[in-house]
Amino acid sequence: PDKALSRVRLQEIGFIMQSSNLVPYLNVLDQLLLVKKM
């Protein structure tokens, strides 16, 4: 189901996209910590 797939995407698959898609107002370390917070 969709909820379980969301968990799989967040915890078991790492995505690297064409553009970095960084959050403009977060510094480099916080870009990573945001993923951990999610």
Full PDB file with SEQRES, HELIX, SHEET, SSBOND, CRYST1, ORIGX, SCALE, CONECT and MASTER records, all heavy atoms in Angstrom:
SEQRES   1 A   38  PRO ASP LYS ALA LEU SER ARG VAL ARG LEU GLN GLU ILE          
SEQRES   2 A   38  GLY PHE ILE MET GLN SER SER ASN LEU VAL PRO TYR LEU          
SEQRES   3 A   38  ASN VAL LEU ASP GLN LEU LEU LEU VAL LYS LYS MET              
HELIX    1 AA1 ASP A    2  GLU A   12  1                                  11    
HELIX    2 AA2 VAL A   28  LYS A   37  1                                  10    
CRYST1    1.000    1.000    1.000  90.00  90.00  90.00 P 1           1          
ORIGX1      1.000000  0.000000  0.000000        0.00000                         
ORIGX2      0.000000  1.000000  0.000000        0.00000                         
ORIGX3      0.000000  0.000000  1.000000        0.00000                         
SCALE1      1.000000  0.000000  0.000000        0.00000                         
SCALE2      0.000000  1.000000  0.000000        0.00000                         
SCALE3      0.000000  0.000000  1.000000        0.00000                         
ATOM      1  N   PRO A   1       0.831  -1.208   0.000  1.00  0.00           N  
ATOM      2  CA  PRO A   1       0.000   0.000   0.000  1.00  0.00           C  
ATOM      3  C   PRO A   1       0.865   1.257   0.000  1.00  0.00           C  
ATOM      4  O   PRO A   1       2.066   1.213   0.330  1.00  0.00           O  
ATOM      5  CB  PRO A   1      -0.807  -0.126   1.302  1.00  0.00           C  
ATOM      6  CG  PRO A   1      -0.034  -1.066   2.155  1.00  0.00           C  
ATOM      7  CD  PRO A   1       0.669  -2.007   1.231  1.00  0.00           C  
ATOM      8  N   ASP A   2       0.263   2.384  -0.350  1.00  0.00           N  
ATOM      9  CA  ASP A   2       1.015   3.624  -0.535  1.00  0.00           C  
ATOM     10  C   ASP A   2       1.785   4.049   0.715  1.00  0.00           C  
ATOM     11  O   ASP A   2       2.919   4.535   0.609  1.00  0.00           O  
ATOM     12  CB  ASP A   2       0.072   4.759  -0.961  1.00  0.00           C  
ATOM     13  CG  ASP A   2      -0.452   4.555  -2.376  1.00  0.00           C  
ATOM     14  OD1 ASP A   2       0.155   3.754  -3.118  1.00  0.00           O  
ATOM     15  OD2 ASP A   2      -1.463   5.185  -2.736  1.00  0.00           O  
ATOM     16  N   LYS A   3       1.187   3.890   1.890  1.00  0.00           N  
ATOM     17  CA  LYS A   3       1.865   4.299   3.126  1.00  0.00           C  
ATOM     18  C   LYS A   3       3.144   3.489   3.339  1.00  0.00           C  
ATOM     19  O   LYS A   3       4.188   4.032   3.721  1.00  0.00           O  
ATOM     20  CB  LYS A   3       0.923   4.140   4.319  1.00  0.00           C  
ATOM     21  CG  LYS A   3       1.498   4.690   5.614  1.00  0.00           C  
ATOM     22  CD  LYS A   3       0.464   4.641   6.738  1.00  0.00           C  
ATOM     23  CE  LYS A   3       1.036   5.220   8.028  1.00  0.00           C  
ATOM     24  NZ  LYS A   3       0.036   5.183   9.139  1.00  0.00           N  
ATOM     25  N   ALA A   4       3.069   2.193   3.084  1.00  0.00           N  
ATOM     26  CA  ALA A   4       4.243   1.341   3.238  1.00  0.00           C  
ATOM     27  C   ALA A   4       5.304   1.687   2.194  1.00  0.00           C  
ATOM     28  O   ALA A   4       6.512   1.655   2.479  1.00  0.00           O  
ATOM     29  CB  ALA A   4       3.849  -0.130   3.129  1.00  0.00           C  
ATOM     30  N   LEU A   5       4.875   2.014   0.973  1.00  0.00           N  
ATOM     31  CA  LEU A   5       5.828   2.398  -0.079  1.00  0.00           C  
ATOM     32  C   LEU A   5       6.540   3.698   0.278  1.00  0.00           C  
ATOM     33  O   LEU A   5       7.727   3.872  -0.021  1.00  0.00           O  
ATOM     34  CB  LEU A   5       5.111   2.543  -1.418  1.00  0.00           C  
ATOM     35  CG  LEU A   5       4.746   1.238  -2.116  1.00  0.00           C  
ATOM     36  CD1 LEU A   5       3.952   1.534  -3.391  1.00  0.00           C  
ATOM     37  CD2 LEU A   5       5.978   0.406  -2.440  1.00  0.00           C  
ATOM     38  N   SER A   6       5.843   4.625   0.931  1.00  0.00           N  
ATOM     39  CA  SER A   6       6.485   5.866   1.376  1.00  0.00           C  
ATOM     40  C   SER A   6       7.602   5.567   2.357  1.00  0.00           C  
ATOM     41  O   SER A   6       8.687   6.171   2.288  1.00  0.00           O  
ATOM     42  CB  SER A   6       5.454   6.795   2.029  1.00  0.00           C  
ATOM     43  OG  SER A   6       4.511   7.241   1.082  1.00  0.00           O  
ATOM     44  N   ARG A   7       7.359   4.630   3.264  1.00  0.00           N  
ATOM     45  CA  ARG A   7       8.399   4.247   4.218  1.00  0.00           C  
ATOM     46  C   ARG A   7       9.585   3.604   3.510  1.00  0.00           C  
ATOM     47  O   ARG A   7      10.746   3.891   3.831  1.00  0.00           O  
ATOM     48  CB  ARG A   7       7.813   3.273   5.257  1.00  0.00           C  
ATOM     49  CG  ARG A   7       8.819   2.870   6.336  1.00  0.00           C  
ATOM     50  CD  ARG A   7       8.328   1.663   7.114  1.00  0.00           C  
ATOM     51  NE  ARG A   7       8.175   0.495   6.263  1.00  0.00           N  
ATOM     52  CZ  ARG A   7       9.169  -0.260   5.845  1.00  0.00           C  
ATOM     53  NH1 ARG A   7      10.422   0.016   6.179  1.00  0.00           N  
ATOM     54  NH2 ARG A   7       8.929  -1.310   5.072  1.00  0.00           N  
ATOM     55  N   VAL A   8       9.305   2.744   2.528  1.00  0.00           N  
ATOM     56  CA  VAL A   8      10.376   2.102   1.762  1.00  0.00           C  
ATOM     57  C   VAL A   8      11.228   3.154   1.057  1.00  0.00           C  
ATOM     58  O   VAL A   8      12.467   3.103   1.096  1.00  0.00           O  
ATOM     59  CB  VAL A   8       9.785   1.110   0.730  1.00  0.00           C  
ATOM     60  CG1 VAL A   8      10.847   0.680  -0.282  1.00  0.00           C  
ATOM     61  CG2 VAL A   8       9.213  -0.111   1.439  1.00  0.00           C  
ATOM     62  N   ARG A   9      10.581   4.125   0.412  1.00  0.00           N  
ATOM     63  CA  ARG A   9      11.328   5.174  -0.302  1.00  0.00           C  
ATOM     64  C   ARG A   9      12.205   5.986   0.639  1.00  0.00           C  
ATOM     65  O   ARG A   9      13.332   6.332   0.302  1.00  0.00           O  
ATOM     66  CB  ARG A   9      10.363   6.094  -1.043  1.00  0.00           C  
ATOM     67  CG  ARG A   9       9.690   5.453  -2.238  1.00  0.00           C  
ATOM     68  CD  ARG A   9       8.995   6.492  -3.092  1.00  0.00           C  
ATOM     69  NE  ARG A   9       7.912   7.168  -2.392  1.00  0.00           N  
ATOM     70  CZ  ARG A   9       6.642   6.767  -2.400  1.00  0.00           C  
ATOM     71  NH1 ARG A   9       6.304   5.666  -3.079  1.00  0.00           N  
ATOM     72  NH2 ARG A   9       5.714   7.440  -1.761  1.00  0.00           N  
ATOM     73  N   LEU A  10      11.688   6.285   1.812  1.00  0.00           N  
ATOM     74  CA  LEU A  10      12.427   7.126   2.757  1.00  0.00           C  
ATOM     75  C   LEU A  10      13.577   6.382   3.412  1.00  0.00           C  
ATOM     76  O   LEU A  10      14.672   6.918   3.555  1.00  0.00           O  
ATOM     77  CB  LEU A  10      11.469   7.661   3.827  1.00  0.00           C  
ATOM     78  CG  LEU A  10      12.092   8.556   4.902  1.00  0.00           C  
ATOM     79  CD1 LEU A  10      12.706   9.806   4.284  1.00  0.00           C  
ATOM     80  CD2 LEU A  10      11.040   8.933   5.943  1.00  0.00           C  
ATOM     81  N   GLN A  11      13.343   5.135   3.799  1.00  0.00           N  
ATOM     82  CA  GLN A  11      14.312   4.431   4.631  1.00  0.00           C  
ATOM     83  C   GLN A  11      15.205   3.456   3.866  1.00  0.00           C  
ATOM     84  O   GLN A  11      16.299   3.136   4.336  1.00  0.00           O  
ATOM     85  CB  GLN A  11      13.578   3.680   5.745  1.00  0.00           C  
ATOM     86  CG  GLN A  11      12.825   4.601   6.685  1.00  0.00           C  
ATOM     87  CD  GLN A  11      12.128   3.858   7.805  1.00  0.00           C  
ATOM     88  OE1 GLN A  11      12.172   2.622   7.882  1.00  0.00           O  
ATOM     89  NE2 GLN A  11      11.476   4.594   8.694  1.00  0.00           N  
ATOM     90  N   GLU A  12      14.762   2.975   2.715  1.00  0.00           N  
ATOM     91  CA  GLU A  12      15.506   1.898   2.065  1.00  0.00           C  
ATOM     92  C   GLU A  12      16.031   2.243   0.674  1.00  0.00           C  
ATOM     93  O   GLU A  12      16.773   1.455   0.080  1.00  0.00           O  
ATOM     94  CB  GLU A  12      14.613   0.649   1.977  1.00  0.00           C  
ATOM     95  CG  GLU A  12      14.161   0.152   3.345  1.00  0.00           C  
ATOM     96  CD  GLU A  12      13.437  -1.183   3.278  1.00  0.00           C  
ATOM     97  OE1 GLU A  12      13.974  -2.104   2.651  1.00  0.00           O  
ATOM     98  OE2 GLU A  12      12.340  -1.288   3.850  1.00  0.00           O  
ATOM     99  N   ILE A  13      15.661   3.410   0.144  1.00  0.00           N  
ATOM    100  CA  ILE A  13      16.121   3.811  -1.191  1.00  0.00           C  
ATOM    101  C   ILE A  13      16.647   5.240  -1.126  1.00  0.00           C  
ATOM    102  O   ILE A  13      15.983   6.132  -0.598  1.00  0.00           O  
ATOM    103  CB  ILE A  13      14.980   3.733  -2.226  1.00  0.00           C  
ATOM    104  CG1 ILE A  13      14.406   2.313  -2.290  1.00  0.00           C  
ATOM    105  CG2 ILE A  13      15.484   4.146  -3.615  1.00  0.00           C  
ATOM    106  CD1 ILE A  13      13.171   2.182  -3.158  1.00  0.00           C  
ATOM    107  N   GLY A  14      17.843   5.443  -1.660  1.00  0.00           N  
ATOM    108  CA  GLY A  14      18.412   6.783  -1.742  1.00  0.00           C  
ATOM    109  C   GLY A  14      18.363   7.265  -3.181  1.00  0.00           C  
ATOM    110  O   GLY A  14      18.798   6.553  -4.092  1.00  0.00           O  
ATOM    111  N   PHE A  15      17.828   8.466  -3.398  1.00  0.00           N  
ATOM    112  CA  PHE A  15      17.675   9.019  -4.733  1.00  0.00           C  
ATOM    113  C   PHE A  15      18.679  10.150  -4.965  1.00  0.00           C  
ATOM    114  O   PHE A  15      18.836  11.041  -4.125  1.00  0.00           O  
ATOM    115  CB  PHE A  15      16.258   9.567  -4.934  1.00  0.00           C  
ATOM    116  CG  PHE A  15      15.173   8.534  -4.884  1.00  0.00           C  
ATOM    117  CD1 PHE A  15      14.537   8.217  -3.689  1.00  0.00           C  
ATOM    118  CD2 PHE A  15      14.783   7.865  -6.036  1.00  0.00           C  
ATOM    119  CE1 PHE A  15      13.534   7.269  -3.646  1.00  0.00           C  
ATOM    120  CE2 PHE A  15      13.783   6.905  -6.007  1.00  0.00           C  
ATOM    121  CZ  PHE A  15      13.153   6.605  -4.807  1.00  0.00           C  
ATOM    122  N   ILE A  16      19.329  10.121  -6.139  1.00  0.00           N  
ATOM    123  CA  ILE A  16      20.178  11.228  -6.589  1.00  0.00           C  
ATOM    124  C   ILE A  16      19.610  11.688  -7.926  1.00  0.00           C  
ATOM    125  O   ILE A  16      19.579  10.921  -8.886  1.00  0.00           O  
ATOM    126  CB  ILE A  16      21.645  10.799  -6.767  1.00  0.00           C  
ATOM    127  CG1 ILE A  16      22.185  10.153  -5.484  1.00  0.00           C  
ATOM    128  CG2 ILE A  16      22.518  12.001  -7.167  1.00  0.00           C  
ATOM    129  CD1 ILE A  16      23.517   9.458  -5.665  1.00  0.00           C  
ATOM    130  N   MET A  17      19.142  12.926  -7.980  1.00  0.00           N  
ATOM    131  CA  MET A  17      18.403  13.397  -9.143  1.00  0.00           C  
ATOM    132  C   MET A  17      19.277  14.217 -10.091  1.00  0.00           C  
ATOM    133  O   MET A  17      20.440  14.498  -9.806  1.00  0.00           O  
ATOM    134  CB  MET A  17      17.195  14.224  -8.690  1.00  0.00           C  
ATOM    135  CG  MET A  17      16.363  13.553  -7.606  1.00  0.00           C  
ATOM    136  SD  MET A  17      15.853  11.857  -8.009  1.00  0.00           S  
ATOM    137  CE  MET A  17      14.607  12.184  -9.254  1.00  0.00           C  
ATOM    138  N   GLN A  18      18.691  14.633 -11.232  1.00  0.00           N  
ATOM    139  CA  GLN A  18      19.424  15.403 -12.248  1.00  0.00           C  
ATOM    140  C   GLN A  18      19.981  16.680 -11.669  1.00  0.00           C  
ATOM    141  O   GLN A  18      21.142  17.026 -11.893  1.00  0.00           O  
ATOM    142  CB  GLN A  18      18.511  15.731 -13.422  1.00  0.00           C  
ATOM    143  CG  GLN A  18      18.089  14.517 -14.232  1.00  0.00           C  
ATOM    144  CD  GLN A  18      17.266  14.907 -15.445  1.00  0.00           C  
ATOM    145  OE1 GLN A  18      17.429  16.001 -15.982  1.00  0.00           O  
ATOM    146  NE2 GLN A  18      16.390  14.034 -15.883  1.00  0.00           N  
ATOM    147  N   SER A  19      19.149  17.429 -10.971  1.00  0.00           N  
ATOM    148  CA  SER A  19      19.628  18.591 -10.236  1.00  0.00           C  
ATOM    149  C   SER A  19      19.629  18.206  -8.767  1.00  0.00           C  
ATOM    150  O   SER A  19      18.895  17.309  -8.343  1.00  0.00           O  
ATOM    151  CB  SER A  19      18.724  19.807 -10.474  1.00  0.00           C  
ATOM    152  OG  SER A  19      17.402  19.524 -10.079  1.00  0.00           O  
ATOM    153  N   SER A  20      20.465  18.854  -7.992  1.00  0.00           N  
ATOM    154  CA  SER A  20      20.665  18.428  -6.606  1.00  0.00           C  
ATOM    155  C   SER A  20      19.403  18.562  -5.761  1.00  0.00           C  
ATOM    156  O   SER A  20      19.242  17.859  -4.764  1.00  0.00           O  
ATOM    157  CB  SER A  20      21.796  19.244  -5.979  1.00  0.00           C  
ATOM    158  OG  SER A  20      21.514  20.635  -6.082  1.00  0.00           O  
ATOM    159  N   ASN A  21      18.487  19.472  -6.151  1.00  0.00           N  
ATOM    160  CA  ASN A  21      17.235  19.666  -5.409  1.00  0.00           C  
ATOM    161  C   ASN A  21      17.474  19.944  -3.931  1.00  0.00           C  
ATOM    162  O   ASN A  21      16.747  19.440  -3.067  1.00  0.00           O  
ATOM    163  CB  ASN A  21      16.311  18.453  -5.557  1.00  0.00           C  
ATOM    164  CG  ASN A  21      15.774  18.304  -6.967  1.00  0.00           C  
ATOM    165  OD1 ASN A  21      15.561  19.296  -7.652  1.00  0.00           O  
ATOM    166  ND2 ASN A  21      15.582  17.076  -7.408  1.00  0.00           N  
ATOM    167  N   LEU A  22      18.492  20.743  -3.646  1.00  0.00           N  
ATOM    168  CA  LEU A  22      18.760  21.106  -2.256  1.00  0.00           C  
ATOM    169  C   LEU A  22      17.760  22.165  -1.789  1.00  0.00           C  
ATOM    170  O   LEU A  22      17.278  22.980  -2.574  1.00  0.00           O  
ATOM    171  CB  LEU A  22      20.189  21.643  -2.108  1.00  0.00           C  
ATOM    172  CG  LEU A  22      21.312  20.690  -2.532  1.00  0.00           C  
ATOM    173  CD1 LEU A  22      22.664  21.347  -2.325  1.00  0.00           C  
ATOM    174  CD2 LEU A  22      21.231  19.372  -1.764  1.00  0.00           C  
ATOM    175  N   VAL A  23      17.481  22.144  -0.493  1.00  0.00           N  
ATOM    176  CA  VAL A  23      16.585  23.152   0.096  1.00  0.00           C  
ATOM    177  C   VAL A  23      17.378  24.444   0.251  1.00  0.00           C  
ATOM    178  O   VAL A  23      18.397  24.460   0.951  1.00  0.00           O  
ATOM    179  CB  VAL A  23      16.052  22.668   1.461  1.00  0.00           C  
ATOM    180  CG1 VAL A  23      15.116  23.709   2.064  1.00  0.00           C  
ATOM    181  CG2 VAL A  23      15.348  21.327   1.313  1.00  0.00           C  
ATOM    182  N   PRO A  24      16.975  25.536  -0.391  1.00  0.00           N  
ATOM    183  CA  PRO A  24      17.817  26.738  -0.451  1.00  0.00           C  
ATOM    184  C   PRO A  24      18.138  27.370   0.896  1.00  0.00           C  
ATOM    185  O   PRO A  24      19.190  28.002   1.043  1.00  0.00           O  
ATOM    186  CB  PRO A  24      17.018  27.703  -1.338  1.00  0.00           C  
ATOM    187  CG  PRO A  24      15.630  27.167  -1.376  1.00  0.00           C  
ATOM    188  CD  PRO A  24      15.736  25.698  -1.169  1.00  0.00           C  
ATOM    189  N   TYR A  25      17.275  27.199   1.897  1.00  0.00           N  
ATOM    190  CA  TYR A  25      17.493  27.878   3.182  1.00  0.00           C  
ATOM    191  C   TYR A  25      18.148  26.969   4.227  1.00  0.00           C  
ATOM    192  O   TYR A  25      18.250  27.343   5.394  1.00  0.00           O  
ATOM    193  CB  TYR A  25      16.177  28.445   3.733  1.00  0.00           C  
ATOM    194  CG  TYR A  25      15.059  27.433   3.836  1.00  0.00           C  
ATOM    195  CD1 TYR A  25      14.947  26.579   4.937  1.00  0.00           C  
ATOM    196  CD2 TYR A  25      14.103  27.320   2.830  1.00  0.00           C  
ATOM    197  CE1 TYR A  25      13.930  25.649   5.025  1.00  0.00           C  
ATOM    198  CE2 TYR A  25      13.076  26.392   2.913  1.00  0.00           C  
ATOM    199  CZ  TYR A  25      12.999  25.562   4.006  1.00  0.00           C  
ATOM    200  OH  TYR A  25      11.989  24.632   4.089  1.00  0.00           O  
ATOM    201  N   LEU A  26      18.596  25.777   3.829  1.00  0.00           N  
ATOM    202  CA  LEU A  26      19.288  24.884   4.746  1.00  0.00           C  
ATOM    203  C   LEU A  26      20.763  24.778   4.372  1.00  0.00           C  
ATOM    204  O   LEU A  26      21.105  24.684   3.187  1.00  0.00           O  
ATOM    205  CB  LEU A  26      18.675  23.485   4.715  1.00  0.00           C  
ATOM    206  CG  LEU A  26      17.252  23.326   5.256  1.00  0.00           C  
ATOM    207  CD1 LEU A  26      16.817  21.874   5.158  1.00  0.00           C  
ATOM    208  CD2 LEU A  26      17.143  23.818   6.694  1.00  0.00           C  
ATOM    209  N   ASN A  27      21.640  24.782   5.388  1.00  0.00           N  
ATOM    210  CA  ASN A  27      23.051  24.572   5.085  1.00  0.00           C  
ATOM    211  C   ASN A  27      23.299  23.100   4.766  1.00  0.00           C  
ATOM    212  O   ASN A  27      22.399  22.256   4.862  1.00  0.00           O  
ATOM    213  CB  ASN A  27      23.949  25.092   6.219  1.00  0.00           C  
ATOM    214  CG  ASN A  27      23.793  24.319   7.526  1.00  0.00           C  
ATOM    215  OD1 ASN A  27      23.589  23.100   7.530  1.00  0.00           O  
ATOM    216  ND2 ASN A  27      23.896  25.013   8.645  1.00  0.00           N  
ATOM    217  N   VAL A  28      24.532  22.795   4.377  1.00  0.00           N  
ATOM    218  CA  VAL A  28      24.861  21.456   3.876  1.00  0.00           C  
ATOM    219  C   VAL A  28      24.564  20.374   4.913  1.00  0.00           C  
ATOM    220  O   VAL A  28      23.936  19.345   4.598  1.00  0.00           O  
ATOM    221  CB  VAL A  28      26.344  21.406   3.435  1.00  0.00           C  
ATOM    222  CG1 VAL A  28      26.803  19.964   3.222  1.00  0.00           C  
ATOM    223  CG2 VAL A  28      26.548  22.217   2.154  1.00  0.00           C  
ATOM    224  N   LEU A  29      24.978  20.584   6.154  1.00  0.00           N  
ATOM    225  CA  LEU A  29      24.725  19.575   7.188  1.00  0.00           C  
ATOM    226  C   LEU A  29      23.234  19.400   7.434  1.00  0.00           C  
ATOM    227  O   LEU A  29      22.727  18.273   7.557  1.00  0.00           O  
ATOM    228  CB  LEU A  29      25.437  19.963   8.485  1.00  0.00           C  
ATOM    229  CG  LEU A  29      25.236  19.010   9.669  1.00  0.00           C  
ATOM    230  CD1 LEU A  29      25.690  17.598   9.325  1.00  0.00           C  
ATOM    231  CD2 LEU A  29      25.974  19.525  10.899  1.00  0.00           C  
ATOM    232  N   ASP A  30      22.504  20.512   7.465  1.00  0.00           N  
ATOM    233  CA  ASP A  30      21.070  20.425   7.731  1.00  0.00           C  
ATOM    234  C   ASP A  30      20.295  19.772   6.590  1.00  0.00           C  
ATOM    235  O   ASP A  30      19.202  19.235   6.805  1.00  0.00           O  
ATOM    236  CB  ASP A  30      20.503  21.819   8.023  1.00  0.00           C  
ATOM    237  CG  ASP A  30      20.884  22.317   9.414  1.00  0.00           C  
ATOM    238  OD1 ASP A  30      21.257  21.483  10.261  1.00  0.00           O  
ATOM    239  OD2 ASP A  30      20.830  23.546   9.651  1.00  0.00           O  
ATOM    240  N   GLN A  31      20.849  19.805   5.369  1.00  0.00           N  
ATOM    241  CA  GLN A  31      20.212  19.077   4.266  1.00  0.00           C  
ATOM    242  C   GLN A  31      20.113  17.595   4.613  1.00  0.00           C  
ATOM    243  O   GLN A  31      19.095  16.939   4.344  1.00  0.00           O  
ATOM    244  CB  GLN A  31      21.027  19.224   2.966  1.00  0.00           C  
ATOM    245  CG  GLN A  31      21.294  20.623   2.493  1.00  0.00           C  
ATOM    246  CD  GLN A  31      20.119  21.269   1.778  1.00  0.00           C  
ATOM    247  OE1 GLN A  31      19.194  20.595   1.322  1.00  0.00           O  
ATOM    248  NE2 GLN A  31      20.146  22.583   1.673  1.00  0.00           N  
ATOM    249  N   LEU A  32      21.184  17.066   5.221  1.00  0.00           N  
ATOM    250  CA  LEU A  32      21.207  15.654   5.593  1.00  0.00           C  
ATOM    251  C   LEU A  32      20.352  15.383   6.830  1.00  0.00           C  
ATOM    252  O   LEU A  32      19.620  14.389   6.883  1.00  0.00           O  
ATOM    253  CB  LEU A  32      22.646  15.190   5.853  1.00  0.00           C  
ATOM    254  CG  LEU A  32      23.480  14.768   4.637  1.00  0.00           C  
ATOM    255  CD1 LEU A  32      23.681  15.931   3.672  1.00  0.00           C  
ATOM    256  CD2 LEU A  32      24.825  14.220   5.066  1.00  0.00           C  
ATOM    257  N   LEU A  33      20.426  16.286   7.803  1.00  0.00           N  
ATOM    258  CA  LEU A  33      19.681  16.071   9.043  1.00  0.00           C  
ATOM    259  C   LEU A  33      18.178  16.170   8.814  1.00  0.00           C  
ATOM    260  O   LEU A  33      17.396  15.541   9.541  1.00  0.00           O  
ATOM    261  CB  LEU A  33      20.140  17.072  10.109  1.00  0.00           C  
ATOM    262  CG  LEU A  33      21.601  16.928  10.547  1.00  0.00           C  
ATOM    263  CD1 LEU A  33      21.926  17.935  11.645  1.00  0.00           C  
ATOM    264  CD2 LEU A  33      21.919  15.509  10.999  1.00  0.00           C  
ATOM    265  N   LEU A  34      17.768  16.922   7.791  1.00  0.00           N  
ATOM    266  CA  LEU A  34      16.348  16.982   7.460  1.00  0.00           C  
ATOM    267  C   LEU A  34      15.816  15.599   7.098  1.00  0.00           C  
ATOM    268  O   LEU A  34      14.700  15.220   7.494  1.00  0.00           O  
ATOM    269  CB  LEU A  34      16.118  17.952   6.295  1.00  0.00           C  
ATOM    270  CG  LEU A  34      14.669  18.051   5.779  1.00  0.00           C  
ATOM    271  CD1 LEU A  34      13.738  18.586   6.869  1.00  0.00           C  
ATOM    272  CD2 LEU A  34      14.608  18.931   4.536  1.00  0.00           C  
ATOM    273  N   VAL A  35      16.605  14.834   6.350  1.00  0.00           N  
ATOM    274  CA  VAL A  35      16.201  13.474   5.979  1.00  0.00           C  
ATOM    275  C   VAL A  35      16.053  12.611   7.238  1.00  0.00           C  
ATOM    276  O   VAL A  35      15.102  11.828   7.370  1.00  0.00           O  
ATOM    277  CB  VAL A  35      17.222  12.846   5.007  1.00  0.00           C  
ATOM    278  CG1 VAL A  35      16.856  11.408   4.690  1.00  0.00           C  
ATOM    279  CG2 VAL A  35      17.302  13.669   3.735  1.00  0.00           C  
ATOM    280  N   LYS A  36      16.990  12.770   8.175  1.00  0.00           N  
ATOM    281  CA  LYS A  36      16.897  12.013   9.426  1.00  0.00           C  
ATOM    282  C   LYS A  36      15.660  12.420  10.224  1.00  0.00           C  
ATOM    283  O   LYS A  36      14.982  11.575  10.807  1.00  0.00           O  
ATOM    284  CB  LYS A  36      18.157  12.225  10.276  1.00  0.00           C  
ATOM    285  CG  LYS A  36      19.445  11.735   9.641  1.00  0.00           C  
ATOM    286  CD  LYS A  36      19.404  10.273   9.278  1.00  0.00           C  
ATOM    287  CE  LYS A  36      19.163   9.354  10.441  1.00  0.00           C  
ATOM    288  NZ  LYS A  36      19.223   7.916  10.053  1.00  0.00           N  
ATOM    289  N   LYS A  37      15.336  13.719  10.227  1.00  0.00           N  
ATOM    290  CA  LYS A  37      14.146  14.186  10.951  1.00  0.00           C  
ATOM    291  C   LYS A  37      12.877  13.596  10.354  1.00  0.00           C  
ATOM    292  O   LYS A  37      11.924  13.266  11.079  1.00  0.00           O  
ATOM    293  CB  LYS A  37      14.080  15.718  10.910  1.00  0.00           C  
ATOM    294  CG  LYS A  37      15.096  16.406  11.803  1.00  0.00           C  
ATOM    295  CD  LYS A  37      15.046  17.922  11.619  1.00  0.00           C  
ATOM    296  CE  LYS A  37      16.158  18.586  12.421  1.00  0.00           C  
ATOM    297  NZ  LYS A  37      16.221  20.039  12.162  1.00  0.00           N  
ATOM    298  N   MET A  38      12.855  13.451   9.035  1.00  0.00           N  
ATOM    299  CA  MET A  38      11.677  12.868   8.384  1.00  0.00           C  
ATOM    300  C   MET A  38      11.492  11.407   8.779  1.00  0.00           C  
ATOM    301  O   MET A  38      10.384  10.872   8.727  1.00  0.00           O  
ATOM    302  CB  MET A  38      11.822  12.988   6.861  1.00  0.00           C  
ATOM    303  CG  MET A  38      11.745  14.409   6.352  1.00  0.00           C  
ATOM    304  SD  MET A  38      12.231  14.562   4.628  1.00  0.00           S  
ATOM    305  CE  MET A  38      10.919  13.649   3.816  1.00  0.00           C  
TER     306      MET A  38                                                      
MASTER        0    0    0    2    0    0    0    6  305    1    0    3          
END                                                                             
